[in-house]
Amino acid sequence: MPKSKKNEGFHSAAGLIRYFDSEDDKAIKVNPWVVVGLCIAVSALVLILGTLYPT
């Protein structure tokens, strides 16, 4: 029977945790509400244009 690899998951996840934990000071920071507002605005625009110019 092969040996069980109990600790393998922790070692592979450690790099991801380190990667996602670091923040870049040069990155653009966007408020999540701006993204929600843009999604709503684009959805409304698509609905309005769909009623004005039906196919």
Protein backbone atom coordinates (compact mmCIF):
# COMPACT_ATOMS: atom_id res chain seq x y z
CA MET A 1 0.00 0.00 0.00
CA PRO A 2 1.39 3.44 -0.83
CA LYS A 3 1.93 5.91 1.94
CA SER A 4 -0.75 8.52 2.57
CA LYS A 5 0.12 12.09 1.58
CA LYS A 6 -1.49 13.95 4.46
CA ASN A 7 0.60 17.14 4.36
CA GLU A 8 0.63 17.65 0.60
CA GLY A 9 -2.40 19.99 0.52
CA PHE A 10 -0.92 22.43 3.00
CA HIS A 11 2.33 22.83 1.07
CA SER A 12 0.56 23.40 -2.22
CA ALA A 13 -1.89 25.91 -0.68
CA ALA A 14 0.85 27.86 1.10
CA GLY A 15 2.04 29.47 -2.13
CA LEU A 16 -1.48 30.55 -3.05
CA ILE A 17 -2.06 32.06 0.37
CA ARG A 18 1.19 33.97 0.10
CA TYR A 19 0.31 35.11 -3.46
CA PHE A 20 -3.18 36.36 -2.61
CA ASP A 21 -2.14 37.85 0.73
CA SER A 22 0.29 40.34 -0.81
CA GLU A 23 -1.17 43.59 -2.08
CA ASP A 24 0.38 45.72 -4.76
CA ASP A 25 0.66 49.42 -3.93
CA LYS A 26 0.52 50.33 -7.64
CA ALA A 27 -2.72 48.43 -8.29
CA ILE A 28 -5.92 50.30 -9.04
CA LYS A 29 -8.29 50.09 -6.10
CA VAL A 30 -11.97 50.18 -7.05
CA ASN A 31 -14.82 50.37 -4.59
CA PRO A 32 -17.08 47.31 -4.97
CA TRP A 33 -20.15 49.58 -5.17
CA VAL A 34 -18.68 51.21 -8.29
CA VAL A 35 -18.57 47.79 -9.97
CA VAL A 36 -22.17 47.06 -8.92
CA GLY A 37 -23.29 50.46 -10.23
CA LEU A 38 -21.54 49.91 -13.56
CA CYS A 39 -23.16 46.50 -13.95
CA ILE A 40 -26.60 47.97 -13.31
CA ALA A 41 -25.95 50.86 -15.71
CA VAL A 42 -24.76 48.57 -18.51
CA SER A 43 -27.74 46.25 -17.96
CA ALA A 44 -30.15 49.19 -18.15
CA LEU A 45 -28.44 50.45 -21.31
CA VAL A 46 -28.76 47.04 -22.97
CA LEU A 47 -32.45 46.81 -22.03
CA ILE A 48 -33.17 50.34 -23.31
CA LEU A 49 -31.32 49.77 -26.58
CA GLY A 50 -33.11 46.42 -26.98
CA THR A 51 -36.51 48.14 -26.78
CA LEU A 52 -35.52 51.05 -29.03
CA TYR A 53 -33.90 48.90 -31.73
CA PRO A 54 -35.61 45.49 -31.78
CA THR A 55 -34.17 42.87 -34.12
